C-alpha atoms as a PDB file:
ATOM      1  CA  MET A   1       5.400   3.003 -40.229  1.00  0.00           C
ATOM      2  CA  SER A   2       1.783   2.297 -39.444  1.00  0.00           C
ATOM      3  CA  GLY A   3       0.614   1.794 -35.871  1.00  0.00           C
ATOM      4  CA  THR A   4      -2.356  -0.338 -36.827  1.00  0.00           C
ATOM      5  CA  HIS A   5      -2.079  -3.933 -37.949  1.00  0.00           C
ATOM      6  CA  GLN A   6      -4.770  -6.475 -38.538  1.00  0.00           C
ATOM      7  CA  VAL A   7      -4.079  -9.949 -37.164  1.00  0.00           C
ATOM      8  CA  ILE A   8      -6.290 -12.973 -37.280  1.00  0.00           C
ATOM      9  CA  VAL A   9      -6.629 -15.435 -34.394  1.00  0.00           C
ATOM     10  CA  GLY A  10      -6.196 -18.936 -35.836  1.00  0.00           C
ATOM     11  CA  ASN A  11      -6.786 -22.376 -34.489  1.00  0.00           C
ATOM     12  CA  LYS A  12      -5.574 -22.853 -30.919  1.00  0.00           C
ATOM     13  CA  GLY A  13      -5.688 -19.084 -30.387  1.00  0.00           C
ATOM     14  CA  ARG A  14      -2.484 -18.415 -32.355  1.00  0.00           C
ATOM     15  CA  MET A  15      -1.806 -14.978 -33.906  1.00  0.00           C
ATOM     16  CA  VAL A  16       0.863 -14.053 -36.455  1.00  0.00           C
ATOM     17  CA  VAL A  17       2.738 -10.847 -35.790  1.00  0.00           C
ATOM     18  CA  PRO A  18       3.309  -9.184 -39.163  1.00  0.00           C
ATOM     19  CA  ALA A  19       6.882  -9.497 -40.496  1.00  0.00           C
ATOM     20  CA  GLU A  20       7.425  -5.720 -40.711  1.00  0.00           C
ATOM     21  CA  VAL A  21       6.508  -5.380 -37.024  1.00  0.00           C
ATOM     22  CA  ARG A  22       8.807  -8.255 -36.003  1.00  0.00           C
ATOM     23  CA  GLU A  23      11.666  -6.787 -37.982  1.00  0.00           C
ATOM     24  CA  ARG A  24      11.207  -3.254 -36.668  1.00  0.00           C
ATOM     25  CA  THR A  25      10.805  -4.338 -33.039  1.00  0.00           C
ATOM     26  CA  GLY A  26      13.352  -7.161 -32.953  1.00  0.00           C
ATOM     27  CA  ILE A  27      10.746  -9.823 -32.182  1.00  0.00           C
ATOM     28  CA  ALA A  28      12.165 -13.242 -33.069  1.00  0.00           C
ATOM     29  CA  GLU A  29      11.039 -16.817 -32.554  1.00  0.00           C
ATOM     30  CA  GLY A  30      10.908 -17.445 -28.787  1.00  0.00           C
ATOM     31  CA  THR A  31      10.454 -13.819 -27.800  1.00  0.00           C
ATOM     32  CA  VAL A  32       8.064 -13.634 -24.868  1.00  0.00           C
ATOM     33  CA  LEU A  33       5.197 -11.179 -25.305  1.00  0.00           C
ATOM     34  CA  VAL A  34       2.934  -9.944 -22.515  1.00  0.00           C
ATOM     35  CA  MET A  35      -0.717  -9.241 -23.255  1.00  0.00           C
ATOM     36  CA  LEU A  36      -2.392  -6.677 -21.021  1.00  0.00           C
ATOM     37  CA  GLU A  37      -6.134  -6.514 -20.826  1.00  0.00           C
ATOM     38  CA  THR A  38      -6.969  -2.908 -20.150  1.00  0.00           C
ATOM     39  CA  SER A  39     -10.201  -0.949 -20.015  1.00  0.00           C
ATOM     40  CA  GLY A  40      -9.170   0.486 -23.415  1.00  0.00           C
ATOM     41  CA  GLY A  41      -8.501  -2.889 -25.000  1.00  0.00           C
ATOM     42  CA  LEU A  42      -5.684  -5.337 -25.383  1.00  0.00           C
ATOM     43  CA  VAL A  43      -2.043  -4.294 -25.448  1.00  0.00           C
ATOM     44  CA  LEU A  44       0.741  -6.590 -26.629  1.00  0.00           C
ATOM     45  CA  LEU A  45       4.228  -5.765 -25.277  1.00  0.00           C
ATOM     46  CA  THR A  46       7.662  -7.275 -25.048  1.00  0.00           C
ATOM     47  CA  ARG A  47       9.026  -7.681 -21.574  1.00  0.00           C
ATOM     48  CA  ASP A  48      11.384  -4.709 -22.111  1.00  0.00           C
ATOM     49  CA  GLN A  49       8.489  -2.574 -23.288  1.00  0.00           C
ATOM     50  CA  LEU A  50       6.388  -3.589 -20.268  1.00  0.00           C
ATOM     51  CA  ARG A  51       9.277  -2.869 -17.878  1.00  0.00           C
ATOM     52  CA  GLN A  52       9.689   0.603 -19.436  1.00  0.00           C
ATOM     53  CA  ARG A  53       5.890   1.274 -19.266  1.00  0.00           C
ATOM     54  CA  VAL A  54       5.881   0.425 -15.542  1.00  0.00           C
ATOM     55  CA  ARG A  55       8.944   2.643 -14.974  1.00  0.00           C
ATOM     56  CA  ASP A  56       7.253   5.492 -16.814  1.00  0.00           C
ATOM     57  CA  ASP A  57       4.018   5.046 -14.856  1.00  0.00           C
ATOM     58  CA  LEU A  58       5.910   5.073 -11.543  1.00  0.00           C
ATOM     59  CA  ALA A  59       8.223   7.999 -12.381  1.00  0.00           C
ATOM     60  CA  GLY A  60       8.176  10.606  -9.693  1.00  0.00           C
ATOM     61  CA  THR A  61       6.443   8.274  -7.248  1.00  0.00           C
ATOM     62  CA  ASP A  62       8.139   7.570  -3.886  1.00  0.00           C
ATOM     63  CA  LEU A  63       6.763   4.132  -3.199  1.00  0.00           C
ATOM     64  CA  VAL A  64       8.744   3.761   0.047  1.00  0.00           C
ATOM     65  CA  ALA A  65       7.387   7.013   1.472  1.00  0.00           C
ATOM     66  CA  GLU A  66       3.811   6.079   0.466  1.00  0.00           C
ATOM     67  CA  LEU A  67       4.135   2.631   2.086  1.00  0.00           C
ATOM     68  CA  LEU A  68       5.535   4.134   5.322  1.00  0.00           C
ATOM     69  CA  ALA A  69       2.805   6.738   5.474  1.00  0.00           C
ATOM     70  CA  GLU A  70       0.132   4.027   4.955  1.00  0.00           C
ATOM     71  CA  ARG A  71       1.674   1.815   7.663  1.00  0.00           C
ATOM     72  CA  ARG A  72       1.887   4.733  10.108  1.00  0.00           C
ATOM     73  CA  ALA A  73      -1.761   5.646   9.414  1.00  0.00           C
ATOM     74  CA  ASN A  74      -2.793   2.044  10.002  1.00  0.00           C
ATOM     75  CA  ALA A  75      -0.793   1.862  13.228  1.00  0.00           C
ATOM     76  CA  ALA A  76      -2.344   5.081  14.441  1.00  0.00           C
ATOM     77  CA  ALA A  77      -5.837   3.829  13.669  1.00  0.00           C
ATOM     78  CA  GLU A  78      -5.169   0.581  15.570  1.00  0.00           C
ATOM     79  CA  ASP A  79      -3.738   2.466  18.547  1.00  0.00           C
ATOM     80  CA  ALA A  80      -6.809   4.739  18.591  1.00  0.00           C
ATOM     81  CA  ALA A  81      -9.217   1.724  18.621  1.00  0.00           C
END
């Protein structure tokens, strides 16, 4: 398995995902792919891959506690003004 594949953008901006990649990843006609533009380049993911990436990025983060702390700090700043 190679992690690098060359694709060519054709007319109307269309790209062909190589058959071996489609077979290995289960990409079929109609599969929605999400393209992320990052500082490191473009990343093409299925929705499930994106969902897992977000979960991994947020692992160990308590978003509710962070939001409450931010709201409390904002309220305290408003009360002090």
